Amino acid sequence: MKPLVIRSAVVAALGGLIFGFDTAVISGAEEQIQHVFALSDAKLGFTVTTALIGTIVGALTAGRPADRYGRKKVLYAIGIFYVLGAVGSALATNVETLMAFRFLGGLGVGAASVCAPIYTAEVAPAAHRGRLVGLVQFNIVLGILLAYASNAVVRALADGEHAWRWMLGVMVLPAVVFLLLLPTVPETPRWLATAGRWDEASATCNRLCSTPQEADFEMAEIRASLAAAENAPSVPFFTPGHRKVILLAIAIAFFNQMSGINAILYYAPRVMQQAGASTSAAYWMSVAVGAMNLVATMAALTVIDKIGRRRLMIVGSIGYLISLGFLAGVMFYYEDARGGAFTTTSSVLVLAGLMVFIAAHAFGQGSVIWVFISEIFPNRIRGRGQSLGSLTHWVFAAITSFAFPPIIGAFGGGVAFSIFFIAMLGQLAWVLKVMPETKGVPLEEMEAKLGLTHEPGGPLTARGH
């Protein structure tokens, strides 16, 4: 691979690092925010969910600008949202202002979940696409780990009433670096070709590809895929021909969040404390969970282009079932048999279960979801397809994150983890029966692989429909 390919993937993935940081940083600040602004549990839940609402809007709206104005311009907008969200949140003087800037940061997160994987997929050679798109996920989990570590350090060094401001404001540093690096990477050849800028597309291909022959082949593939759809310049999205890929994207995003991953990331310290850990120990236990997330993601990225997406999902699904079943059993035991008397032993057991859970997520869903969604949609609708998958992901992230504390409060952790366990039984069945393998398939050949064809002069249709 040429250095430009690697640099482009790394810069896009830096947007993922800020994505992960923003996702997890609230876990350290939420308790103090509740105290400083005298929030009820319901108001706190809504404040935390505000960023997710922004993420939903960002995921819903980013696809069309990415298709119309280009992947790179949307990445610039994402960086600006990150900076404004971080600075505004840190300086907020009331909860309404905090919610507004958390919403703005959430817009960036949602847009990044759409645009960063698309950008990377379109500059990466097919043989290395899984690993390079997976860099986005690697940086997401690195961002999560850095957020947990940053929260723990801030709490140790500046545990005053303004500690939460430092926790939320630190994100401005990687956001500025992201904006400064963006001018050093190109727009994607596929988008340039779609926009009719063929000379630029060809020149960019030559910069990205290892040999002139490889660049010529890629340009020929792009020309063929766009020529096949030239009679449909405004390809409709919700058509019978797209039904298969739409359902695949919705399913993988739905199962991703019904594992409970975001609910646990947002409330990790609180879960640890409820399981019997001290406040200080709970924060450092969260760092351990983040570290496991990073290690398991690194392991998955070394094999995703070798053993494929489906096998990772099977391993991850089994790991989900083992860990969620164990966590539900521990919580039921201490809630019922021990009458809610959680101890240091129970906190260690819950930590062990969460470590296995996060490893299963990182090795399976976490490493596969954005790669898979960025691969399965045809060129003309890839932006909207990624947007749909991200929208589904964040809608269910908001639902599970908002519902998690009330469910634990009303029914206990055993019931909450049991719900996630049942959902993961459904995921395992879906992976075994429905999910296709997309490893090593060039994007321009993915339609044939998934059974999608072009009718002459008409929109895409699917074989068998």
Protein backbone atom coordinates (compact mmCIF):
# COMPACT_ATOMS: atom_id res chain seq x y z
CA MET A 1 0.00 0.00 0.00
CA LYS A 2 1.13 3.54 -0.75
CA PRO A 3 1.72 5.88 2.20
CA LEU A 4 -1.08 8.14 0.94
CA VAL A 5 -3.60 5.30 1.35
CA ILE A 6 -2.47 4.69 4.91
CA ARG A 7 -2.43 8.42 5.75
CA SER A 8 -5.91 8.92 4.30
CA ALA A 9 -7.28 5.99 6.31
CA VAL A 10 -5.57 7.20 9.50
CA VAL A 11 -6.91 10.76 9.14
CA ALA A 12 -10.45 9.51 8.57
CA ALA A 13 -10.04 7.15 11.49
CA LEU A 14 -9.01 10.07 13.71
CA GLY A 15 -12.60 11.21 13.32
CA GLY A 16 -13.45 7.83 14.83
CA LEU A 17 -11.18 8.50 17.82
CA ILE A 18 -13.12 11.68 18.63
CA PHE A 19 -16.34 9.71 17.99
CA GLY A 20 -15.29 7.17 20.66
CA PHE A 21 -14.09 9.83 23.09
CA ASP A 22 -17.38 11.73 22.84
CA THR A 23 -19.32 8.50 23.31
CA ALA A 24 -17.63 7.48 26.57
CA VAL A 25 -16.55 10.74 28.21
CA ILE A 26 -20.03 11.45 29.58
CA SER A 27 -19.76 8.34 31.78
CA GLY A 28 -17.32 10.18 34.04
CA ALA A 29 -19.10 13.51 33.99
CA GLU A 30 -22.75 12.50 34.37
CA GLU A 31 -22.73 12.09 38.16
CA GLN A 32 -21.21 15.53 38.75
CA ILE A 33 -23.44 17.14 36.11
CA GLN A 34 -26.46 15.76 37.96
CA HIS A 35 -25.19 17.29 41.22
CA VAL A 36 -24.11 20.69 39.81
CA PHE A 37 -27.36 21.32 37.94
CA ALA A 38 -29.60 19.54 40.52
CA LEU A 39 -31.08 17.19 37.93
CA SER A 40 -33.59 14.45 38.57
CA ASP A 41 -32.76 10.96 37.27
CA ALA A 42 -35.13 11.51 34.34
CA LYS A 43 -33.59 14.90 33.48
CA LEU A 44 -30.10 13.39 33.73
CA GLY A 45 -31.12 10.56 31.40
CA PHE A 46 -32.40 13.07 28.87
CA THR A 47 -29.24 15.19 29.19
CA VAL A 48 -27.08 12.13 28.47
CA THR A 49 -29.35 11.13 25.58
CA THR A 50 -29.22 14.62 24.01
CA ALA A 51 -25.91 13.79 22.34
CA LEU A 52 -27.48 10.61 20.97
CA ILE A 53 -30.36 12.62 19.53
CA GLY A 54 -27.77 14.75 17.75
CA THR A 55 -26.08 11.57 16.58
CA ILE A 56 -29.36 10.29 15.14
CA VAL A 57 -29.88 13.57 13.25
CA GLY A 58 -26.27 13.50 12.02
CA ALA A 59 -26.56 9.92 10.83
CA LEU A 60 -29.89 10.65 9.16
CA THR A 61 -28.71 13.73 7.26
CA ALA A 62 -25.02 13.09 6.49
CA GLY A 63 -25.46 10.61 3.64
CA ARG A 64 -26.94 13.01 1.10
CA PRO A 65 -24.33 15.79 1.61
CA ALA A 66 -21.61 13.11 1.43
CA ASP A 67 -23.01 12.02 -1.95
CA ARG A 68 -23.61 15.58 -3.21
CA TYR A 69 -20.68 17.63 -1.93
CA GLY A 70 -18.07 14.94 -1.35
CA ARG A 71 -16.77 12.83 1.50
CA LYS A 72 -13.94 15.23 2.38
CA LYS A 73 -16.11 18.36 2.75
CA VAL A 74 -18.41 16.51 5.15
CA LEU A 75 -15.35 15.43 7.16
CA TYR A 76 -14.44 19.13 7.51
CA ALA A 77 -17.93 19.88 8.84
CA ILE A 78 -17.60 17.00 11.29
CA GLY A 79 -14.35 18.44 12.67
CA ILE A 80 -15.99 21.84 13.19
CA PHE A 81 -18.94 20.24 15.02
CA TYR A 82 -16.49 18.39 17.29
CA VAL A 83 -14.61 21.59 18.21
CA LEU A 84 -17.76 23.61 18.87
CA GLY A 85 -19.36 20.78 20.85
CA ALA A 86 -16.31 20.33 23.09
CA VAL A 87 -15.72 24.02 23.81
CA GLY A 88 -19.41 24.80 24.30
CA SER A 89 -20.00 21.84 26.62
CA ALA A 90 -17.00 22.73 28.78
CA LEU A 91 -18.13 26.36 29.16
CA ALA A 92 -21.87 25.68 29.62
CA THR A 93 -23.44 27.73 32.42
CA ASN A 94 -26.75 25.86 32.55
CA VAL A 95 -28.05 22.46 31.58
CA GLU A 96 -29.90 23.77 28.51
CA THR A 97 -26.68 25.17 27.05
CA LEU A 98 -24.90 21.92 27.88
CA MET A 99 -27.59 19.92 26.07
CA ALA A 100 -27.38 22.21 23.03
CA PHE A 101 -23.62 21.75 22.64
CA ARG A 102 -23.77 18.03 23.42
CA PHE A 103 -26.35 17.84 20.62
CA LEU A 104 -23.93 19.68 18.30
CA GLY A 105 -21.12 17.25 19.16
CA GLY A 106 -23.56 14.41 18.57
CA LEU A 107 -24.21 15.72 15.05
CA GLY A 108 -20.50 15.25 14.39
CA VAL A 109 -20.50 11.74 15.84
CA GLY A 110 -23.49 10.67 13.73
CA ALA A 111 -22.03 12.16 10.57
CA ALA A 112 -18.67 10.52 11.28
CA SER A 113 -20.30 7.11 11.62
CA VAL A 114 -21.61 7.61 8.07
CA CYS A 115 -18.77 9.39 6.31
CA ALA A 116 -15.52 8.06 7.81
CA PRO A 117 -16.13 4.40 6.84
CA ILE A 118 -17.31 5.40 3.35
CA TYR A 119 -14.24 7.57 2.81
CA THR A 120 -11.86 4.85 3.93
CA ALA A 121 -13.63 2.11 1.92
CA GLU A 122 -13.34 4.23 -1.23
CA VAL A 123 -9.61 4.93 -0.93
CA ALA A 124 -8.62 1.41 0.19
CA PRO A 125 -7.61 -1.53 -2.07
CA ALA A 126 -10.12 -4.41 -1.80
CA ALA A 127 -7.52 -6.78 -0.31
CA HIS A 128 -6.88 -4.41 2.62
CA ARG A 129 -10.26 -2.68 2.90
CA GLY A 130 -11.45 -4.54 6.00
CA ARG A 131 -8.26 -3.69 7.89
CA LEU A 132 -8.25 -0.03 6.82
CA VAL A 133 -11.95 0.61 7.38
CA GLY A 134 -11.46 -1.23 10.65
CA LEU A 135 -9.03 1.54 11.63
CA VAL A 136 -12.12 3.67 12.19
CA GLN A 137 -13.35 1.13 14.75
CA PHE A 138 -9.86 0.83 16.25
CA ASN A 139 -9.78 4.58 16.81
CA ILE A 140 -13.32 4.55 18.21
CA VAL A 141 -12.28 2.09 20.90
CA LEU A 142 -9.00 3.96 21.43
CA GLY A 143 -11.09 7.09 21.95
CA ILE A 144 -13.27 5.22 24.46
CA LEU A 145 -10.19 4.06 26.38
CA LEU A 146 -8.71 7.57 26.34
CA ALA A 147 -12.01 8.99 27.60
CA TYR A 148 -12.14 6.54 30.53
CA ALA A 149 -8.46 7.18 31.33
CA SER A 150 -8.89 10.96 30.98
CA ASN A 151 -11.90 10.88 33.32
CA ALA A 152 -9.99 8.87 35.91
CA VAL A 153 -6.97 11.20 35.75
CA VAL A 154 -9.09 14.36 35.91
CA ARG A 155 -11.00 12.93 38.86
CA ALA A 156 -7.71 12.17 40.65
CA LEU A 157 -6.07 15.54 39.92
CA ALA A 158 -8.95 18.00 39.87
CA ASP A 159 -11.88 16.44 41.71
CA GLY A 160 -13.67 19.75 42.24
CA GLU A 161 -17.00 21.06 41.05
CA HIS A 162 -15.49 21.92 37.64
CA ALA A 163 -13.85 18.54 36.96
CA TRP A 164 -16.64 17.63 34.54
CA ARG A 165 -15.79 20.69 32.42
CA TRP A 166 -12.23 19.44 31.93
CA MET A 167 -13.55 15.96 31.11
CA LEU A 168 -15.75 17.31 28.31
CA GLY A 169 -13.35 20.02 27.09
CA VAL A 170 -10.31 17.81 26.50
CA MET A 171 -11.89 16.57 23.26
CA VAL A 172 -11.05 19.86 21.53
CA LEU A 173 -7.39 18.78 21.19
CA PRO A 174 -7.86 15.77 18.85
CA ALA A 175 -10.61 17.67 17.01
CA VAL A 176 -8.20 20.48 16.09
CA VAL A 177 -5.55 17.95 14.99
CA PHE A 178 -8.18 16.26 12.78
CA LEU A 179 -9.01 19.57 11.07
CA LEU A 180 -5.33 20.40 10.53
CA LEU A 181 -4.61 17.02 8.88
CA LEU A 182 -7.61 16.94 6.51
CA PRO A 183 -5.95 19.15 3.84
CA THR A 184 -3.22 16.50 3.43
CA VAL A 185 -5.60 13.81 2.08
CA PRO A 186 -7.53 13.61 -1.24
CA GLU A 187 -11.19 13.30 -2.14
CA THR A 188 -12.12 9.72 -3.07
CA PRO A 189 -11.83 8.65 -6.74
CA ARG A 190 -15.30 7.09 -6.68
CA TRP A 191 -16.96 10.32 -5.58
CA LEU A 192 -14.96 12.40 -8.08
CA ALA A 193 -16.06 10.05 -10.86
CA THR A 194 -19.67 10.18 -9.68
CA ALA A 195 -19.44 14.00 -9.85
CA GLY A 196 -18.13 13.79 -13.43
CA ARG A 197 -14.59 14.92 -12.48
CA TRP A 198 -12.91 12.06 -14.31
CA ASP A 199 -9.45 13.62 -14.73
CA GLU A 200 -9.22 14.27 -11.00
CA ALA A 201 -10.53 10.77 -10.27
CA SER A 202 -7.89 9.21 -12.52
CA ALA A 203 -5.10 11.32 -11.04
CA THR A 204 -6.19 10.43 -7.50
CA CYS A 205 -6.37 6.74 -8.42
CA ASN A 206 -2.78 6.89 -9.65
CA ARG A 207 -1.72 8.50 -6.37
CA LEU A 208 -3.49 5.83 -4.32
CA CYS A 209 -2.73 2.68 -6.32
CA SER A 210 0.58 0.83 -6.24
CA THR A 211 0.89 0.43 -10.03
CA PRO A 212 -0.53 2.12 -13.15
CA GLN A 213 -2.19 -1.20 -14.04
CA GLU A 214 -3.97 -1.29 -10.68
CA ALA A 215 -5.14 2.32 -11.17
CA ASP A 216 -6.40 1.57 -14.69
CA PHE A 217 -8.27 -1.49 -13.43
CA GLU A 218 -9.91 0.45 -10.61
CA MET A 219 -10.96 3.26 -12.94
CA ALA A 220 -12.41 0.71 -15.37
CA GLU A 221 -14.40 -0.83 -12.52
CA ILE A 222 -15.70 2.58 -11.47
CA ARG A 223 -16.66 3.47 -15.06
CA ALA A 224 -18.49 0.19 -15.50
CA SER A 225 -20.47 0.52 -12.27
CA LEU A 226 -21.49 4.12 -13.03
CA ALA A 227 -22.31 3.36 -16.67
CA ALA A 228 -24.64 0.60 -15.54
CA ALA A 229 -26.63 3.19 -13.59
CA GLU A 230 -26.34 6.13 -16.00
CA ASN A 231 -30.03 5.87 -16.92
CA ALA A 232 -30.93 6.39 -13.28
CA PRO A 233 -29.06 9.57 -12.21
CA SER A 234 -31.31 9.96 -9.18
CA VAL A 235 -31.51 6.37 -8.04
CA PRO A 236 -34.43 5.83 -5.64
CA PHE A 237 -33.35 4.28 -2.37
CA PHE A 238 -36.35 2.37 -1.03
CA THR A 239 -37.01 0.01 -3.93
CA PRO A 240 -37.57 -3.77 -4.08
CA GLY A 241 -34.13 -4.09 -5.67
CA HIS A 242 -32.48 -2.55 -2.62
CA ARG A 243 -34.57 -4.48 -0.11
CA LYS A 244 -31.89 -7.06 0.64
CA VAL A 245 -29.06 -4.65 1.42
CA ILE A 246 -31.39 -2.32 3.36
CA LEU A 247 -32.53 -5.19 5.60
CA LEU A 248 -28.93 -6.37 6.07
CA ALA A 249 -27.84 -2.89 7.21
CA ILE A 250 -30.82 -2.46 9.55
CA ALA A 251 -30.34 -5.93 11.06
CA ILE A 252 -26.63 -5.61 11.88
CA ALA A 253 -27.15 -2.12 13.35
CA PHE A 254 -30.16 -3.25 15.41
CA PHE A 255 -28.33 -6.23 16.87
CA ASN A 256 -25.25 -4.10 17.57
CA GLN A 257 -27.13 -1.94 20.05
CA MET A 258 -29.43 -4.66 21.42
CA SER A 259 -26.28 -6.26 22.85
CA GLY A 260 -26.40 -3.39 25.36
CA ILE A 261 -22.98 -2.04 24.37
CA ASN A 262 -23.73 1.68 24.46
CA ALA A 263 -25.82 1.46 27.62
CA ILE A 264 -22.86 -0.21 29.34
CA LEU A 265 -20.33 2.27 27.91
CA TYR A 266 -22.38 5.25 29.07
CA TYR A 267 -22.98 3.93 32.57
CA ALA A 268 -19.92 1.73 33.21
CA PRO A 269 -18.78 3.47 36.43
CA ARG A 270 -22.34 3.52 37.76
CA VAL A 271 -22.78 -0.22 36.99
CA MET A 272 -19.53 -0.97 38.83
CA GLN A 273 -20.59 1.07 41.85
CA GLN A 274 -23.98 -0.65 41.98
CA ALA A 275 -22.15 -3.99 41.89
CA GLY A 276 -20.21 -3.05 45.03
CA ALA A 277 -17.11 -1.14 43.83
CA SER A 278 -15.96 2.12 45.41
CA THR A 279 -16.21 5.31 43.30
CA SER A 280 -12.46 5.44 42.64
CA ALA A 281 -12.25 1.73 41.85
CA ALA A 282 -15.23 1.99 39.51
CA TYR A 283 -13.45 4.57 37.35
CA TRP A 284 -10.27 2.49 37.07
CA MET A 285 -12.34 -0.64 36.39
CA SER A 286 -13.86 1.27 33.46
CA VAL A 287 -10.33 1.90 32.17
CA ALA A 288 -9.74 -1.88 32.31
CA VAL A 289 -12.91 -2.44 30.25
CA GLY A 290 -11.69 0.16 27.71
CA ALA A 291 -8.28 -1.51 27.51
CA MET A 292 -9.86 -4.91 26.82
CA ASN A 293 -11.96 -3.25 24.12
CA LEU A 294 -8.81 -1.97 22.44
CA VAL A 295 -6.87 -5.26 22.67
CA ALA A 296 -9.76 -7.32 21.26
CA THR A 297 -10.29 -4.82 18.43
CA MET A 298 -6.60 -5.04 17.49
CA ALA A 299 -6.87 -8.83 17.43
CA ALA A 300 -9.93 -8.66 15.18
CA LEU A 301 -8.31 -6.23 12.73
CA THR A 302 -5.40 -8.62 12.19
CA VAL A 303 -7.74 -11.35 10.95
CA ILE A 304 -10.81 -9.58 9.49
CA ASP A 305 -9.44 -9.80 5.92
CA LYS A 306 -8.26 -13.39 6.45
CA ILE A 307 -11.10 -15.24 8.16
CA GLY A 308 -13.88 -12.88 7.09
CA ARG A 309 -16.74 -10.93 8.62
CA ARG A 310 -19.15 -13.81 9.33
CA ARG A 311 -16.70 -15.84 11.41
CA LEU A 312 -15.90 -12.83 13.57
CA MET A 313 -19.63 -12.30 14.09
CA ILE A 314 -20.14 -15.96 15.07
CA VAL A 315 -17.32 -15.82 17.63
CA GLY A 316 -18.61 -12.49 18.94
CA SER A 317 -22.19 -13.77 19.23
CA ILE A 318 -21.10 -16.78 21.28
CA GLY A 319 -19.01 -14.49 23.50
CA TYR A 320 -22.02 -12.21 23.99
CA LEU A 321 -24.16 -15.14 25.12
CA ILE A 322 -21.54 -16.45 27.57
CA SER A 323 -20.86 -13.03 29.13
CA LEU A 324 -24.44 -11.75 29.25
CA GLY A 325 -25.66 -15.06 30.67
CA PHE A 326 -22.94 -14.88 33.34
CA LEU A 327 -23.73 -11.24 34.20
CA ALA A 328 -27.45 -11.95 34.44
CA GLY A 329 -26.73 -14.92 36.73
CA VAL A 330 -24.46 -12.86 39.02
CA MET A 331 -26.98 -10.04 39.26
CA PHE A 332 -29.90 -12.40 39.95
CA TYR A 333 -27.88 -14.15 42.66
CA TYR A 334 -26.88 -11.00 44.53
CA GLU A 335 -30.24 -9.29 44.02
CA ASP A 336 -32.33 -12.28 45.13
CA ALA A 337 -30.29 -14.84 47.08
CA ARG A 338 -28.17 -12.17 48.77
CA GLY A 339 -30.96 -9.63 49.12
CA GLY A 340 -29.11 -6.96 47.17
CA ALA A 341 -26.01 -7.16 49.41
CA PHE A 342 -23.33 -6.48 46.78
CA THR A 343 -19.71 -6.87 47.88
CA THR A 344 -16.17 -6.52 46.57
CA THR A 345 -16.52 -10.09 45.26
CA SER A 346 -19.63 -9.21 43.28
CA SER A 347 -17.92 -6.16 41.75
CA VAL A 348 -14.99 -8.34 40.63
CA LEU A 349 -17.38 -10.90 39.11
CA VAL A 350 -19.26 -8.16 37.26
CA LEU A 351 -15.95 -6.71 36.03
CA ALA A 352 -14.92 -10.16 34.76
CA GLY A 353 -18.25 -10.54 32.95
CA LEU A 354 -17.96 -7.07 31.42
CA MET A 355 -14.40 -7.80 30.26
CA VAL A 356 -15.59 -10.90 28.38
CA PHE A 357 -18.58 -8.94 27.06
CA ILE A 358 -16.47 -6.08 25.72
CA ALA A 359 -13.98 -8.53 24.18
CA ALA A 360 -16.84 -10.34 22.41
CA HIS A 361 -18.22 -7.03 21.14
CA ALA A 362 -14.87 -5.72 19.94
CA PHE A 363 -13.91 -8.96 18.20
CA GLY A 364 -17.30 -9.34 16.52
CA GLN A 365 -19.83 -6.55 16.04
CA GLY A 366 -17.52 -3.69 16.89
CA SER A 367 -14.98 -4.58 14.19
CA VAL A 368 -17.47 -5.71 11.56
CA ILE A 369 -20.46 -3.33 11.57
CA TRP A 370 -18.99 -0.27 9.83
CA VAL A 371 -16.91 -2.35 7.42
CA PHE A 372 -19.94 -4.46 6.46
CA ILE A 373 -22.34 -1.53 5.98
CA SER A 374 -19.76 0.44 3.95
CA GLU A 375 -19.32 -2.56 1.61
CA ILE A 376 -22.80 -3.82 0.79
CA PHE A 377 -24.46 -0.80 -0.87
CA PRO A 378 -24.02 0.07 -4.60
CA ASN A 379 -21.96 3.19 -5.40
CA ARG A 380 -24.90 5.45 -6.24
CA ILE A 381 -26.63 4.95 -2.89
CA ARG A 382 -23.68 4.17 -0.63
CA GLY A 383 -23.97 7.45 1.26
CA ARG A 384 -27.67 6.98 1.94
CA GLY A 385 -27.13 3.33 2.80
CA GLN A 386 -24.43 4.15 5.35
CA SER A 387 -26.73 6.83 6.72
CA LEU A 388 -29.57 4.34 7.17
CA GLY A 389 -27.32 1.86 8.98
CA SER A 390 -25.94 4.58 11.24
CA LEU A 391 -29.42 5.97 11.90
CA THR A 392 -30.66 2.54 12.97
CA HIS A 393 -27.59 2.09 15.17
CA TRP A 394 -28.04 5.41 16.97
CA VAL A 395 -31.82 5.19 17.37
CA PHE A 396 -31.41 1.93 19.26
CA ALA A 397 -28.40 3.36 21.12
CA ALA A 398 -30.68 6.13 22.39
CA ILE A 399 -33.44 3.67 23.29
CA THR A 400 -31.20 1.27 25.20
CA SER A 401 -29.19 4.02 26.92
CA PHE A 402 -32.35 5.84 28.03
CA ALA A 403 -34.10 2.65 29.17
CA PHE A 404 -31.15 0.96 30.90
CA PRO A 405 -31.21 2.89 34.24
CA PRO A 406 -35.02 2.67 34.72
CA ILE A 407 -35.01 -1.07 33.92
CA ILE A 408 -32.23 -1.71 36.43
CA GLY A 409 -34.01 0.47 38.98
CA ALA A 410 -37.37 -1.24 38.55
CA PHE A 411 -36.41 -4.86 37.82
CA GLY A 412 -32.70 -5.19 38.63
CA GLY A 413 -29.60 -5.84 36.56
CA GLY A 414 -30.49 -9.51 36.07
CA VAL A 415 -33.52 -8.61 33.97
CA ALA A 416 -31.60 -5.95 31.99
CA PHE A 417 -28.81 -8.35 31.06
CA SER A 418 -31.35 -11.09 30.28
CA ILE A 419 -33.03 -8.85 27.71
CA PHE A 420 -29.70 -8.34 25.97
CA PHE A 421 -29.00 -12.10 26.17
CA ILE A 422 -32.27 -12.92 24.38
CA ALA A 423 -31.50 -10.36 21.66
CA MET A 424 -28.09 -11.94 21.07
CA LEU A 425 -29.71 -15.33 20.54
CA GLY A 426 -31.49 -13.62 17.66
CA GLN A 427 -28.20 -12.21 16.35
CA LEU A 428 -26.53 -15.63 16.31
CA ALA A 429 -29.44 -17.07 14.32
CA TRP A 430 -29.27 -14.13 11.86
CA VAL A 431 -25.52 -14.51 11.32
CA LEU A 432 -25.81 -18.26 10.73
CA LYS A 433 -28.84 -18.09 8.42
CA VAL A 434 -28.76 -14.70 6.65
CA MET A 435 -25.51 -12.71 6.82
CA PRO A 436 -23.37 -12.95 3.62
CA GLU A 437 -19.56 -12.90 3.56
CA THR A 438 -18.08 -9.79 1.92
CA LYS A 439 -14.36 -10.44 2.49
CA GLY A 440 -12.13 -9.41 -0.43
CA VAL A 441 -14.97 -8.55 -2.82
CA PRO A 442 -14.30 -5.34 -4.86
CA LEU A 443 -17.01 -2.73 -4.23
CA GLU A 444 -17.95 -2.71 -7.91
CA GLU A 445 -18.56 -6.50 -7.80
CA MET A 446 -20.52 -6.48 -4.53
CA GLU A 447 -23.88 -6.10 -6.32
CA ALA A 448 -23.39 -9.40 -8.15
CA LYS A 449 -22.12 -11.08 -4.99
CA LEU A 450 -25.30 -10.07 -3.13
CA GLY A 451 -27.57 -10.98 -6.02
CA LEU A 452 -28.22 -7.43 -7.21
CA THR A 453 -28.38 -6.70 -10.94
CA HIS A 454 -29.23 -3.75 -13.19
CA GLU A 455 -32.25 -3.94 -15.45
CA PRO A 456 -31.51 -2.21 -18.76
CA GLY A 457 -32.62 1.39 -18.42
CA GLY A 458 -34.09 0.81 -15.01
CA PRO A 459 -33.27 0.81 -11.34
CA LEU A 460 -31.51 -1.94 -9.47
CA THR A 461 -33.40 -5.16 -8.94
CA ALA A 462 -32.50 -8.20 -6.91
CA ARG A 463 -32.38 -11.72 -8.20
CA GLY A 464 -35.22 -13.68 -6.75
CA HIS A 465 -37.45 -10.60 -6.13
